Amino acid sequence: MDKFETVTGVAAPLNLINVDTDMIIPKQFLKTIKRSGLGVHLFDEMRYADDGSEVADFVLNRPAYRGAEILVAGDNFGCGSSREHAPWALKDFGIRAVIAPSYADIFYNNCFKNGILPIVLPQEQVDVVMADAEKGENARITVDLEAQTVTTTDGTSFAFEVDAFKKHCLLNGLDDIGLTEQKAAAIDAFEAGAADARPWV
């Protein structure tokens, strides 16, 4: 998993509440077990018309936001089913951080496991960041995980809270597999001892 330290870039404003995981990645794209290739289908039903053409006014289809690394969203982002494909699709598109007033719990935790930082800010602060994001490619928002701050183009800074363990994992690029691999020596020692104690197993 990629380390997350600081991201400075364009933020896409998605000023909608209750964006569920089926909106993020519709059910027909859940057949894959690969984490790559889903970015093209992110927000598929909002990004594309029935004939497959792009919906020109959808935020991620607008030239200023095609390379967005930050998403600013409304309350209760990631609600609905627990599909891990939702953060996979966001990450594959290039989104490294999401800023919203609240998230569904399972989606929130899945983000950390997939290298995405979900930031919770009060609604009034999200409104300020949203307004900055709406300036398009002239705006650059900075997310600093070490300092736990979000800074707008004009230098306005907001502090956010994050669990210390989750922060450690993101800063060091550790997913569940990476955490297990850190204990490889202890696991090997245990298995060797178990084999000696119970050679018949």
N, C-alpha and C. Protein backbone atom coordinates (compact mmCIF):
# COMPACT_ATOMS: atom_id res chain seq x y z
N MET A 1 0.85 -1.19 0.00
CA MET A 1 0.00 0.00 0.00
C MET A 1 0.89 1.24 0.00
N ASP A 2 0.52 2.25 -0.78
CA ASP A 2 1.29 3.49 -0.84
C ASP A 2 1.22 4.24 0.49
N LYS A 3 2.33 4.85 0.86
CA LYS A 3 2.34 5.69 2.05
C LYS A 3 1.54 6.97 1.79
N PHE A 4 0.90 7.46 2.82
CA PHE A 4 0.19 8.74 2.73
C PHE A 4 0.85 9.70 3.70
N GLU A 5 1.40 10.78 3.17
CA GLU A 5 2.01 11.79 4.03
C GLU A 5 1.31 13.13 3.80
N THR A 6 1.57 13.74 2.65
CA THR A 6 0.95 15.02 2.29
C THR A 6 0.47 14.96 0.85
N VAL A 7 -0.73 15.43 0.61
CA VAL A 7 -1.26 15.53 -0.74
C VAL A 7 -1.69 16.97 -0.99
N THR A 8 -1.18 17.56 -2.06
CA THR A 8 -1.59 18.89 -2.47
C THR A 8 -2.10 18.79 -3.91
N GLY A 9 -3.33 19.19 -4.13
CA GLY A 9 -3.85 19.10 -5.48
C GLY A 9 -5.26 19.62 -5.59
N VAL A 10 -5.83 19.39 -6.75
CA VAL A 10 -7.20 19.80 -7.02
C VAL A 10 -8.16 18.92 -6.24
N ALA A 11 -9.17 19.54 -5.67
CA ALA A 11 -10.22 18.81 -4.95
C ALA A 11 -11.52 18.91 -5.73
N ALA A 12 -12.15 17.79 -5.96
CA ALA A 12 -13.41 17.77 -6.70
C ALA A 12 -14.58 17.96 -5.73
N PRO A 13 -15.44 18.95 -5.97
CA PRO A 13 -16.59 19.17 -5.09
C PRO A 13 -17.78 18.30 -5.51
N LEU A 14 -18.21 17.42 -4.63
CA LEU A 14 -19.39 16.59 -4.87
C LEU A 14 -20.38 16.92 -3.76
N ASN A 15 -21.14 17.98 -3.98
CA ASN A 15 -21.99 18.53 -2.92
C ASN A 15 -23.32 17.78 -2.84
N LEU A 16 -23.22 16.51 -2.46
CA LEU A 16 -24.38 15.64 -2.32
C LEU A 16 -24.31 14.92 -0.99
N ILE A 17 -25.45 14.72 -0.35
CA ILE A 17 -25.49 13.93 0.88
C ILE A 17 -25.91 12.50 0.55
N ASN A 18 -25.61 11.58 1.47
CA ASN A 18 -26.03 10.18 1.35
C ASN A 18 -25.56 9.52 0.05
N VAL A 19 -24.34 9.81 -0.36
CA VAL A 19 -23.77 9.14 -1.53
C VAL A 19 -23.43 7.71 -1.11
N ASP A 20 -24.18 6.75 -1.64
CA ASP A 20 -23.97 5.37 -1.19
C ASP A 20 -22.96 4.64 -2.06
N THR A 21 -22.60 3.45 -1.63
CA THR A 21 -21.55 2.70 -2.33
C THR A 21 -22.00 2.23 -3.71
N ASP A 22 -23.30 2.10 -3.93
CA ASP A 22 -23.77 1.73 -5.27
C ASP A 22 -23.63 2.91 -6.22
N MET A 23 -23.70 4.12 -5.72
CA MET A 23 -23.44 5.30 -6.55
C MET A 23 -21.94 5.40 -6.84
N ILE A 24 -21.12 5.06 -5.85
CA ILE A 24 -19.67 5.13 -6.03
C ILE A 24 -19.20 4.10 -7.05
N ILE A 25 -19.66 2.86 -6.91
CA ILE A 25 -19.32 1.81 -7.89
C ILE A 25 -20.52 0.87 -8.01
N PRO A 26 -21.30 0.98 -9.09
CA PRO A 26 -22.52 0.18 -9.24
C PRO A 26 -22.26 -1.32 -9.20
N LYS A 27 -23.30 -2.05 -8.81
CA LYS A 27 -23.19 -3.49 -8.53
C LYS A 27 -22.67 -4.32 -9.69
N GLN A 28 -22.91 -3.89 -10.93
CA GLN A 28 -22.47 -4.71 -12.07
C GLN A 28 -20.96 -4.78 -12.22
N PHE A 29 -20.24 -3.94 -11.47
CA PHE A 29 -18.78 -3.94 -11.57
C PHE A 29 -18.12 -4.65 -10.39
N LEU A 30 -18.92 -5.40 -9.63
CA LEU A 30 -18.38 -6.05 -8.43
C LEU A 30 -17.86 -7.46 -8.69
N LYS A 31 -17.83 -7.89 -9.95
CA LYS A 31 -17.41 -9.26 -10.24
C LYS A 31 -15.91 -9.45 -10.08
N THR A 32 -15.15 -8.38 -10.22
CA THR A 32 -13.70 -8.50 -10.14
C THR A 32 -13.22 -8.55 -8.70
N ILE A 33 -12.08 -9.24 -8.49
CA ILE A 33 -11.44 -9.22 -7.19
C ILE A 33 -10.13 -8.44 -7.26
N LYS A 34 -9.90 -7.78 -8.41
CA LYS A 34 -8.72 -6.94 -8.59
C LYS A 34 -9.03 -5.53 -8.10
N ARG A 35 -8.03 -4.90 -7.52
CA ARG A 35 -8.21 -3.54 -7.03
C ARG A 35 -7.99 -2.51 -8.13
N SER A 36 -7.50 -2.94 -9.26
CA SER A 36 -7.23 -2.01 -10.35
C SER A 36 -8.31 -2.12 -11.43
N GLY A 37 -8.44 -1.06 -12.21
CA GLY A 37 -9.37 -1.07 -13.34
C GLY A 37 -10.76 -0.56 -13.03
N LEU A 38 -11.02 -0.21 -11.77
CA LEU A 38 -12.37 0.22 -11.40
C LEU A 38 -12.54 1.74 -11.49
N GLY A 39 -11.45 2.47 -11.59
CA GLY A 39 -11.54 3.93 -11.61
C GLY A 39 -12.38 4.47 -12.75
N VAL A 40 -12.34 3.80 -13.89
CA VAL A 40 -13.11 4.25 -15.06
C VAL A 40 -14.61 4.14 -14.80
N HIS A 41 -14.99 3.30 -13.83
CA HIS A 41 -16.42 3.12 -13.51
C HIS A 41 -16.84 3.86 -12.25
N LEU A 42 -15.93 4.64 -11.66
CA LEU A 42 -16.29 5.41 -10.47
C LEU A 42 -17.45 6.35 -10.78
N PHE A 43 -18.49 6.31 -9.97
CA PHE A 43 -19.70 7.12 -10.17
C PHE A 43 -20.28 6.90 -11.57
N ASP A 44 -20.23 5.67 -12.04
CA ASP A 44 -20.57 5.33 -13.42
C ASP A 44 -21.92 5.89 -13.86
N GLU A 45 -22.94 5.73 -13.04
CA GLU A 45 -24.28 6.13 -13.46
C GLU A 45 -24.47 7.64 -13.48
N MET A 46 -23.59 8.37 -12.82
CA MET A 46 -23.63 9.83 -12.88
C MET A 46 -22.68 10.37 -13.95
N ARG A 47 -21.61 9.62 -14.23
CA ARG A 47 -20.59 10.09 -15.18
C ARG A 47 -20.97 9.84 -16.63
N TYR A 48 -21.79 8.79 -16.87
CA TYR A 48 -22.05 8.38 -18.24
C TYR A 48 -23.55 8.31 -18.54
N ALA A 49 -23.90 8.68 -19.77
CA ALA A 49 -25.27 8.55 -20.26
C ALA A 49 -25.52 7.10 -20.66
N ASP A 50 -26.75 6.78 -20.99
CA ASP A 50 -27.11 5.40 -21.36
C ASP A 50 -26.33 4.90 -22.57
N ASP A 51 -25.93 5.81 -23.45
CA ASP A 51 -25.19 5.40 -24.65
C ASP A 51 -23.68 5.31 -24.41
N GLY A 52 -23.26 5.52 -23.16
CA GLY A 52 -21.85 5.42 -22.82
C GLY A 52 -21.07 6.72 -22.93
N SER A 53 -21.70 7.76 -23.43
CA SER A 53 -21.02 9.05 -23.56
C SER A 53 -20.94 9.73 -22.19
N GLU A 54 -19.95 10.60 -22.03
CA GLU A 54 -19.78 11.29 -20.76
C GLU A 54 -20.86 12.34 -20.54
N VAL A 55 -21.30 12.47 -19.32
CA VAL A 55 -22.19 13.55 -18.92
C VAL A 55 -21.31 14.77 -18.65
N ALA A 56 -21.37 15.74 -19.51
CA ALA A 56 -20.40 16.84 -19.52
C ALA A 56 -20.34 17.62 -18.21
N ASP A 57 -21.48 17.78 -17.53
CA ASP A 57 -21.48 18.63 -16.35
C ASP A 57 -21.21 17.88 -15.05
N PHE A 58 -21.00 16.55 -15.14
CA PHE A 58 -20.64 15.83 -13.91
C PHE A 58 -19.22 16.23 -13.52
N VAL A 59 -18.99 16.44 -12.24
CA VAL A 59 -17.76 17.07 -11.78
C VAL A 59 -16.49 16.38 -12.27
N LEU A 60 -16.43 15.06 -12.24
CA LEU A 60 -15.20 14.37 -12.62
C LEU A 60 -14.98 14.33 -14.13
N ASN A 61 -15.99 14.74 -14.89
CA ASN A 61 -15.83 14.84 -16.35
C ASN A 61 -15.40 16.23 -16.79
N ARG A 62 -15.43 17.17 -15.87
CA ARG A 62 -15.02 18.53 -16.21
C ARG A 62 -13.50 18.61 -16.22
N PRO A 63 -12.91 19.27 -17.20
CA PRO A 63 -11.45 19.29 -17.36
C PRO A 63 -10.68 19.64 -16.09
N ALA A 64 -11.20 20.54 -15.29
CA ALA A 64 -10.48 20.98 -14.09
C ALA A 64 -10.33 19.89 -13.06
N TYR A 65 -11.23 18.88 -13.10
CA TYR A 65 -11.26 17.89 -12.02
C TYR A 65 -10.89 16.48 -12.45
N ARG A 66 -10.50 16.30 -13.69
CA ARG A 66 -10.16 14.94 -14.17
C ARG A 66 -8.98 14.34 -13.42
N GLY A 67 -8.11 15.19 -12.91
CA GLY A 67 -6.95 14.70 -12.17
C GLY A 67 -7.05 14.92 -10.68
N ALA A 68 -8.27 15.08 -10.17
CA ALA A 68 -8.47 15.37 -8.75
C ALA A 68 -7.91 14.25 -7.87
N GLU A 69 -7.25 14.64 -6.80
CA GLU A 69 -6.74 13.68 -5.82
C GLU A 69 -7.50 13.74 -4.50
N ILE A 70 -8.35 14.75 -4.38
CA ILE A 70 -9.13 14.95 -3.16
C ILE A 70 -10.59 15.10 -3.56
N LEU A 71 -11.48 14.51 -2.79
CA LEU A 71 -12.92 14.62 -3.03
C LEU A 71 -13.56 15.27 -1.81
N VAL A 72 -14.35 16.31 -2.04
CA VAL A 72 -15.08 16.97 -0.96
C VAL A 72 -16.55 16.62 -1.13
N ALA A 73 -17.14 16.02 -0.11
CA ALA A 73 -18.49 15.47 -0.26
C ALA A 73 -19.39 15.89 0.90
N GLY A 74 -20.66 15.50 0.78
CA GLY A 74 -21.65 15.81 1.79
C GLY A 74 -21.73 14.76 2.88
N ASP A 75 -22.68 14.95 3.75
CA ASP A 75 -22.87 14.11 4.93
C ASP A 75 -23.19 12.66 4.57
N ASN A 76 -22.74 11.72 5.41
CA ASN A 76 -23.05 10.30 5.30
C ASN A 76 -22.50 9.68 4.01
N PHE A 77 -21.30 10.06 3.67
CA PHE A 77 -20.66 9.53 2.44
C PHE A 77 -20.30 8.06 2.63
N GLY A 78 -20.57 7.26 1.60
CA GLY A 78 -20.21 5.84 1.63
C GLY A 78 -21.22 4.97 2.35
N CYS A 79 -22.45 5.43 2.48
CA CYS A 79 -23.48 4.61 3.12
C CYS A 79 -23.90 3.49 2.17
N GLY A 80 -24.81 2.64 2.61
CA GLY A 80 -25.25 1.53 1.76
C GLY A 80 -24.50 0.26 2.06
N SER A 81 -24.29 -0.56 1.04
CA SER A 81 -23.65 -1.86 1.24
C SER A 81 -22.18 -1.70 1.60
N SER A 82 -21.60 -2.79 2.09
CA SER A 82 -20.24 -2.73 2.63
C SER A 82 -19.16 -3.00 1.59
N ARG A 83 -19.49 -2.95 0.31
CA ARG A 83 -18.55 -3.32 -0.75
C ARG A 83 -17.22 -2.57 -0.67
N GLU A 84 -16.13 -3.34 -0.60
CA GLU A 84 -14.79 -2.74 -0.55
C GLU A 84 -14.39 -2.19 -1.92
N HIS A 85 -15.15 -2.56 -2.95
CA HIS A 85 -14.88 -2.03 -4.29
C HIS A 85 -15.02 -0.51 -4.34
N ALA A 86 -15.77 0.07 -3.41
CA ALA A 86 -15.97 1.52 -3.42
C ALA A 86 -14.65 2.26 -3.19
N PRO A 87 -13.91 1.98 -2.11
CA PRO A 87 -12.60 2.63 -2.01
C PRO A 87 -11.62 2.18 -3.09
N TRP A 88 -11.75 0.95 -3.57
CA TRP A 88 -10.88 0.51 -4.68
C TRP A 88 -11.07 1.44 -5.89
N ALA A 89 -12.34 1.75 -6.21
CA ALA A 89 -12.63 2.59 -7.37
C ALA A 89 -12.12 4.01 -7.16
N LEU A 90 -12.31 4.55 -5.98
CA LEU A 90 -11.81 5.89 -5.68
C LEU A 90 -10.29 5.94 -5.82
N LYS A 91 -9.61 4.96 -5.24
CA LYS A 91 -8.15 4.94 -5.28
C LYS A 91 -7.66 4.75 -6.72
N ASP A 92 -8.31 3.88 -7.48
CA ASP A 92 -7.87 3.63 -8.85
C ASP A 92 -8.07 4.87 -9.72
N PHE A 93 -9.08 5.67 -9.42
CA PHE A 93 -9.28 6.92 -10.15
C PHE A 93 -8.16 7.92 -9.83
N GLY A 94 -7.65 7.84 -8.60
CA GLY A 94 -6.59 8.76 -8.18
C GLY A 94 -6.91 9.54 -6.92
N ILE A 95 -8.08 9.26 -6.31
CA ILE A 95 -8.47 9.95 -5.08
C ILE A 95 -7.66 9.41 -3.90
N ARG A 96 -6.97 10.30 -3.21
CA ARG A 96 -6.16 9.91 -2.05
C ARG A 96 -6.82 10.30 -0.73
N ALA A 97 -7.71 11.30 -0.76
CA ALA A 97 -8.36 11.75 0.46
C ALA A 97 -9.79 12.18 0.15
N VAL A 98 -10.68 11.94 1.11
CA VAL A 98 -12.06 12.39 1.02
C VAL A 98 -12.34 13.25 2.24
N ILE A 99 -13.02 14.36 2.03
CA ILE A 99 -13.37 15.27 3.12
C ILE A 99 -14.89 15.37 3.18
N ALA A 100 -15.47 15.07 4.34
CA ALA A 100 -16.93 15.08 4.49
C ALA A 100 -17.28 15.26 5.97
N PRO A 101 -18.52 15.64 6.26
CA PRO A 101 -18.93 15.77 7.67
C PRO A 101 -19.07 14.44 8.39
N SER A 102 -19.42 13.37 7.64
CA SER A 102 -19.55 12.05 8.26
C SER A 102 -19.53 10.97 7.19
N TYR A 103 -19.28 9.73 7.64
CA TYR A 103 -19.18 8.57 6.74
C TYR A 103 -19.93 7.39 7.35
N ALA A 104 -20.29 6.44 6.50
CA ALA A 104 -20.74 5.15 7.00
C ALA A 104 -19.53 4.43 7.58
N ASP A 105 -19.72 3.73 8.70
CA ASP A 105 -18.58 3.16 9.43
C ASP A 105 -17.75 2.19 8.61
N ILE A 106 -18.40 1.26 7.89
CA ILE A 106 -17.64 0.24 7.16
C ILE A 106 -16.84 0.89 6.04
N PHE A 107 -17.45 1.81 5.30
CA PHE A 107 -16.73 2.51 4.25
C PHE A 107 -15.55 3.27 4.83
N TYR A 108 -15.76 3.94 5.94
CA TYR A 108 -14.71 4.73 6.59
C TYR A 108 -13.50 3.86 6.89
N ASN A 109 -13.74 2.71 7.49
CA ASN A 109 -12.63 1.80 7.84
C ASN A 109 -11.99 1.18 6.60
N ASN A 110 -12.80 0.87 5.59
CA ASN A 110 -12.24 0.31 4.35
C ASN A 110 -11.31 1.30 3.65
N CYS A 111 -11.58 2.59 3.79
CA CYS A 111 -10.70 3.59 3.18
C CYS A 111 -9.29 3.47 3.73
N PHE A 112 -9.17 3.40 5.03
CA PHE A 112 -7.84 3.30 5.65
C PHE A 112 -7.11 2.05 5.18
N LYS A 113 -7.83 0.97 5.02
CA LYS A 113 -7.21 -0.30 4.60
C LYS A 113 -6.75 -0.27 3.15
N ASN A 114 -7.19 0.74 2.41
CA ASN A 114 -6.85 0.83 0.99
C ASN A 114 -6.09 2.10 0.63
N GLY A 115 -5.51 2.74 1.64
CA GLY A 115 -4.63 3.88 1.37
C GLY A 115 -5.32 5.20 1.13
N ILE A 116 -6.60 5.30 1.48
CA ILE A 116 -7.35 6.56 1.34
C ILE A 116 -7.57 7.15 2.73
N LEU A 117 -7.37 8.45 2.85
CA LEU A 117 -7.60 9.13 4.12
C LEU A 117 -8.99 9.77 4.12
N PRO A 118 -9.94 9.25 4.92
CA PRO A 118 -11.25 9.89 5.04
C PRO A 118 -11.22 10.89 6.20
N ILE A 119 -11.40 12.15 5.89
CA ILE A 119 -11.30 13.22 6.88
C ILE A 119 -12.69 13.69 7.28
N VAL A 120 -12.91 13.77 8.58
CA VAL A 120 -14.17 14.29 9.10
C VAL A 120 -13.94 15.72 9.58
N LEU A 121 -14.73 16.66 9.03
CA LEU A 121 -14.71 18.05 9.47
C LEU A 121 -16.15 18.49 9.75
N PRO A 122 -16.35 19.46 10.63
CA PRO A 122 -17.70 19.99 10.85
C PRO A 122 -18.26 20.57 9.55
N GLN A 123 -19.58 20.58 9.44
CA GLN A 123 -20.22 21.02 8.21
C GLN A 123 -19.77 22.41 7.78
N GLU A 124 -19.62 23.32 8.73
CA GLU A 124 -19.25 24.68 8.35
C GLU A 124 -17.84 24.74 7.77
N GLN A 125 -16.96 23.86 8.21
CA GLN A 125 -15.61 23.81 7.65
C GLN A 125 -15.61 23.11 6.29
N VAL A 126 -16.42 22.07 6.16
CA VAL A 126 -16.56 21.42 4.85
C VAL A 126 -17.09 22.42 3.83
N ASP A 127 -18.00 23.28 4.26
CA ASP A 127 -18.55 24.29 3.35
C ASP A 127 -17.45 25.21 2.82
N VAL A 128 -16.50 25.58 3.67
CA VAL A 128 -15.39 26.44 3.26
C VAL A 128 -14.51 25.71 2.26
N VAL A 129 -14.19 24.46 2.55
CA VAL A 129 -13.35 23.66 1.65
C VAL A 129 -14.08 23.42 0.33
N MET A 130 -15.39 23.16 0.40
CA MET A 130 -16.20 22.94 -0.80
C MET A 130 -16.16 24.18 -1.69
N ALA A 131 -16.33 25.33 -1.10
CA ALA A 131 -16.30 26.59 -1.87
C ALA A 131 -14.95 26.78 -2.53
N ASP A 132 -13.88 26.43 -1.84
CA ASP A 132 -12.54 26.54 -2.41
C ASP A 132 -12.39 25.56 -3.57
N ALA A 133 -12.88 24.33 -3.38
CA ALA A 133 -12.78 23.32 -4.43
C ALA A 133 -13.54 23.74 -5.68
N GLU A 134 -14.61 24.48 -5.50
CA GLU A 134 -15.42 24.91 -6.65
C GLU A 134 -14.71 25.94 -7.53
N LYS A 135 -13.55 26.43 -7.08
CA LYS A 135 -12.76 27.35 -7.90
C LYS A 135 -12.05 26.62 -9.03
N GLY A 136 -12.06 25.29 -9.00
CA GLY A 136 -11.48 24.51 -10.09
C GLY A 136 -9.98 24.39 -10.00
N GLU A 137 -9.35 24.36 -11.17
CA GLU A 137 -7.91 24.09 -11.22
C GLU A 137 -7.07 25.23 -10.67
N ASN A 138 -7.68 26.37 -10.39
CA ASN A 138 -6.94 27.47 -9.77
C ASN A 138 -6.79 27.28 -8.27
N ALA A 139 -7.48 26.31 -7.71
CA ALA A 139 -7.43 26.04 -6.28
C ALA A 139 -6.54 24.82 -6.01
N ARG A 140 -5.76 24.89 -4.96
CA ARG A 140 -4.92 23.79 -4.52
C ARG A 140 -5.12 23.59 -3.03
N ILE A 141 -5.66 22.45 -2.67
CA ILE A 141 -5.90 22.12 -1.26
C ILE A 141 -4.82 21.16 -0.80
N THR A 142 -4.34 21.37 0.41
CA THR A 142 -3.31 20.50 0.97
C THR A 142 -3.84 19.72 2.15
N VAL A 143 -3.64 18.43 2.11
CA VAL A 143 -3.97 17.54 3.22
C VAL A 143 -2.66 17.02 3.79
N ASP A 144 -2.41 17.33 5.05
CA ASP A 144 -1.18 16.92 5.73
C ASP A 144 -1.56 15.96 6.85
N LEU A 145 -1.25 14.68 6.66
CA LEU A 145 -1.64 13.68 7.65
C LEU A 145 -0.82 13.81 8.92
N GLU A 146 0.48 14.04 8.79
CA GLU A 146 1.32 14.16 9.99
C GLU A 146 0.84 15.29 10.88
N ALA A 147 0.55 16.44 10.28
CA ALA A 147 0.08 17.60 11.05
C ALA A 147 -1.42 17.54 11.33
N GLN A 148 -2.12 16.66 10.62
CA GLN A 148 -3.58 16.50 10.72
C GLN A 148 -4.30 17.82 10.41
N THR A 149 -3.96 18.36 9.23
CA THR A 149 -4.58 19.62 8.81
C THR A 149 -5.02 19.54 7.35
N VAL A 150 -6.07 20.31 7.05
CA VAL A 150 -6.51 20.58 5.69
C VAL A 150 -6.35 22.08 5.49
N THR A 151 -5.62 22.46 4.43
CA THR A 151 -5.36 23.87 4.18
C THR A 151 -5.89 24.27 2.81
N THR A 152 -6.68 25.33 2.77
CA THR A 152 -7.26 25.80 1.52
C THR A 152 -6.27 26.67 0.76
N THR A 153 -6.67 27.08 -0.43
CA THR A 153 -5.81 27.86 -1.30
C THR A 153 -5.33 29.16 -0.65
N ASP A 154 -6.20 29.79 0.13
CA ASP A 154 -5.83 31.08 0.75
C ASP A 154 -5.11 30.92 2.08
N GLY A 155 -4.81 29.67 2.47
CA GLY A 155 -4.06 29.44 3.70
C GLY A 155 -4.90 29.15 4.92
N THR A 156 -6.22 29.13 4.77
CA THR A 156 -7.08 28.77 5.90
C THR A 156 -6.85 27.31 6.23
N SER A 157 -6.61 27.02 7.50
CA SER A 157 -6.26 25.65 7.90
C SER A 157 -7.25 25.11 8.93
N PHE A 158 -7.65 23.87 8.75
CA PHE A 158 -8.55 23.20 9.68
C PHE A 158 -7.88 21.93 10.19
N ALA A 159 -7.97 21.70 11.49
CA ALA A 159 -7.41 20.49 12.09
C ALA A 159 -8.46 19.38 12.09
N PHE A 160 -8.00 18.16 11.88
CA PHE A 160 -8.92 17.02 11.94
C PHE A 160 -8.35 15.94 12.87
N GLU A 161 -9.24 15.12 13.39
CA GLU A 161 -8.85 14.02 14.27
C GLU A 161 -8.71 12.73 13.45
N VAL A 162 -7.79 11.88 13.86
CA VAL A 162 -7.65 10.58 13.23
C VAL A 162 -7.08 9.62 14.27
N ASP A 163 -7.57 8.41 14.26
CA ASP A 163 -7.08 7.38 15.18
C ASP A 163 -5.57 7.19 15.00
N ALA A 164 -4.84 7.12 16.12
CA ALA A 164 -3.38 7.06 16.07
C ALA A 164 -2.88 5.83 15.32
N PHE A 165 -3.53 4.70 15.52
CA PHE A 165 -3.10 3.48 14.84
C PHE A 165 -3.35 3.56 13.34
N LYS A 166 -4.52 4.06 12.96
CA LYS A 166 -4.83 4.22 11.54
C LYS A 166 -3.86 5.22 10.88
N LYS A 167 -3.53 6.26 11.60
CA LYS A 167 -2.57 7.25 11.10
C LYS A 167 -1.21 6.59 10.87
N HIS A 168 -0.77 5.80 11.84
CA HIS A 168 0.51 5.08 11.72
C HIS A 168 0.51 4.19 10.48
N CYS A 169 -0.57 3.47 10.27
CA CYS A 169 -0.65 2.55 9.12
C CYS A 169 -0.57 3.32 7.80
N LEU A 170 -1.30 4.43 7.69
CA LEU A 170 -1.27 5.21 6.46
C LEU A 170 0.10 5.83 6.22
N LEU A 171 0.68 6.41 7.24
CA LEU A 171 1.99 7.05 7.09
C LEU A 171 3.06 6.06 6.65
N ASN A 172 2.88 4.79 7.07
CA ASN A 172 3.89 3.78 6.76
C ASN A 172 3.46 2.81 5.65
N GLY A 173 2.31 3.09 5.05
CA GLY A 173 1.85 2.24 3.94
C GLY A 173 1.56 0.82 4.35
N LEU A 174 0.95 0.64 5.52
CA LEU A 174 0.69 -0.69 6.05
C LEU A 174 -0.79 -1.06 5.96
N ASP A 175 -1.12 -2.05 5.15
CA ASP A 175 -2.46 -2.62 5.17
C ASP A 175 -2.42 -3.84 6.08
N ASP A 176 -3.49 -4.64 6.10
CA ASP A 176 -3.54 -5.80 6.99
C ASP A 176 -2.42 -6.79 6.71
N ILE A 177 -2.11 -6.97 5.43
CA ILE A 177 -1.03 -7.89 5.06
C ILE A 177 0.32 -7.34 5.53
N GLY A 178 0.53 -6.05 5.32
CA GLY A 178 1.77 -5.42 5.75
C GLY A 178 1.97 -5.51 7.26
N LEU A 179 0.88 -5.34 8.01
CA LEU A 179 0.96 -5.45 9.47
C LEU A 179 1.35 -6.87 9.87
N THR A 180 0.78 -7.86 9.20
CA THR A 180 1.10 -9.26 9.49
C THR A 180 2.57 -9.56 9.17
N GLU A 181 3.03 -9.03 8.05
CA GLU A 181 4.42 -9.27 7.64
C GLU A 181 5.42 -8.69 8.64
N GLN A 182 5.02 -7.67 9.37
CA GLN A 182 5.90 -7.10 10.39
C GLN A 182 6.15 -8.08 11.53
N LYS A 183 5.23 -9.04 11.68
CA LYS A 183 5.34 -10.04 12.74
C LYS A 183 5.91 -11.36 12.22
N ALA A 184 6.54 -11.34 11.04
CA ALA A 184 7.00 -12.57 10.40
C ALA A 184 7.96 -13.36 11.29
N ALA A 185 8.89 -12.69 11.93
CA ALA A 185 9.87 -13.39 12.78
C ALA A 185 9.18 -14.09 13.94
N ALA A 186 8.23 -13.41 14.57
CA ALA A 186 7.51 -14.00 15.70
C ALA A 186 6.65 -15.18 15.24
N ILE A 187 6.04 -15.04 14.05
CA ILE A 187 5.23 -16.13 13.52
C ILE A 187 6.09 -17.35 13.20
N ASP A 188 7.24 -17.11 12.58
CA ASP A 188 8.16 -18.21 12.26
C ASP A 188 8.63 -18.91 13.53
N ALA A 189 8.95 -18.13 14.56
CA ALA A 189 9.41 -18.71 15.82
C ALA A 189 8.32 -19.55 16.47
N PHE A 190 7.08 -19.05 16.43
CA PHE A 190 5.97 -19.80 16.99
C PHE A 190 5.76 -21.12 16.25
N GLU A 191 5.79 -21.05 14.93
CA GLU A 191 5.57 -22.27 14.14
C GLU A 191 6.68 -23.29 14.37
N ALA A 192 7.93 -22.81 14.50
CA ALA A 192 9.03 -23.73 14.75
C ALA A 192 8.86 -24.40 16.12
N GLY A 193 8.48 -23.60 17.13
CA GLY A 193 8.26 -24.15 18.45
C GLY A 193 7.10 -25.13 18.46
N ALA A 194 6.04 -24.80 17.73
CA ALA A 194 4.88 -25.69 17.68
C ALA A 194 5.23 -27.01 17.00
N ALA A 195 6.07 -26.94 15.97
CA ALA A 195 6.47 -28.16 15.27
C ALA A 195 7.31 -29.06 16.18
N ASP A 196 8.17 -28.44 16.98
CA ASP A 196 9.00 -29.21 17.91
C ASP A 196 8.14 -29.85 19.00
N ALA A 197 7.16 -29.09 19.50
CA ALA A 197 6.32 -29.58 20.59
C ALA A 197 5.32 -30.62 20.14
N ARG A 198 4.87 -30.50 18.89
CA ARG A 198 3.85 -31.43 18.38
C ARG A 198 4.27 -31.92 16.99
N PRO A 199 5.32 -32.74 16.92
CA PRO A 199 5.83 -33.17 15.60
C PRO A 199 4.84 -34.03 14.81
N TRP A 200 3.82 -34.54 15.48
CA TRP A 200 2.84 -35.37 14.80
C TRP A 200 1.80 -34.57 14.03
N VAL A 201 1.77 -33.26 14.29
CA VAL A 201 0.77 -32.43 13.63
C VAL A 201 1.17 -32.15 12.19
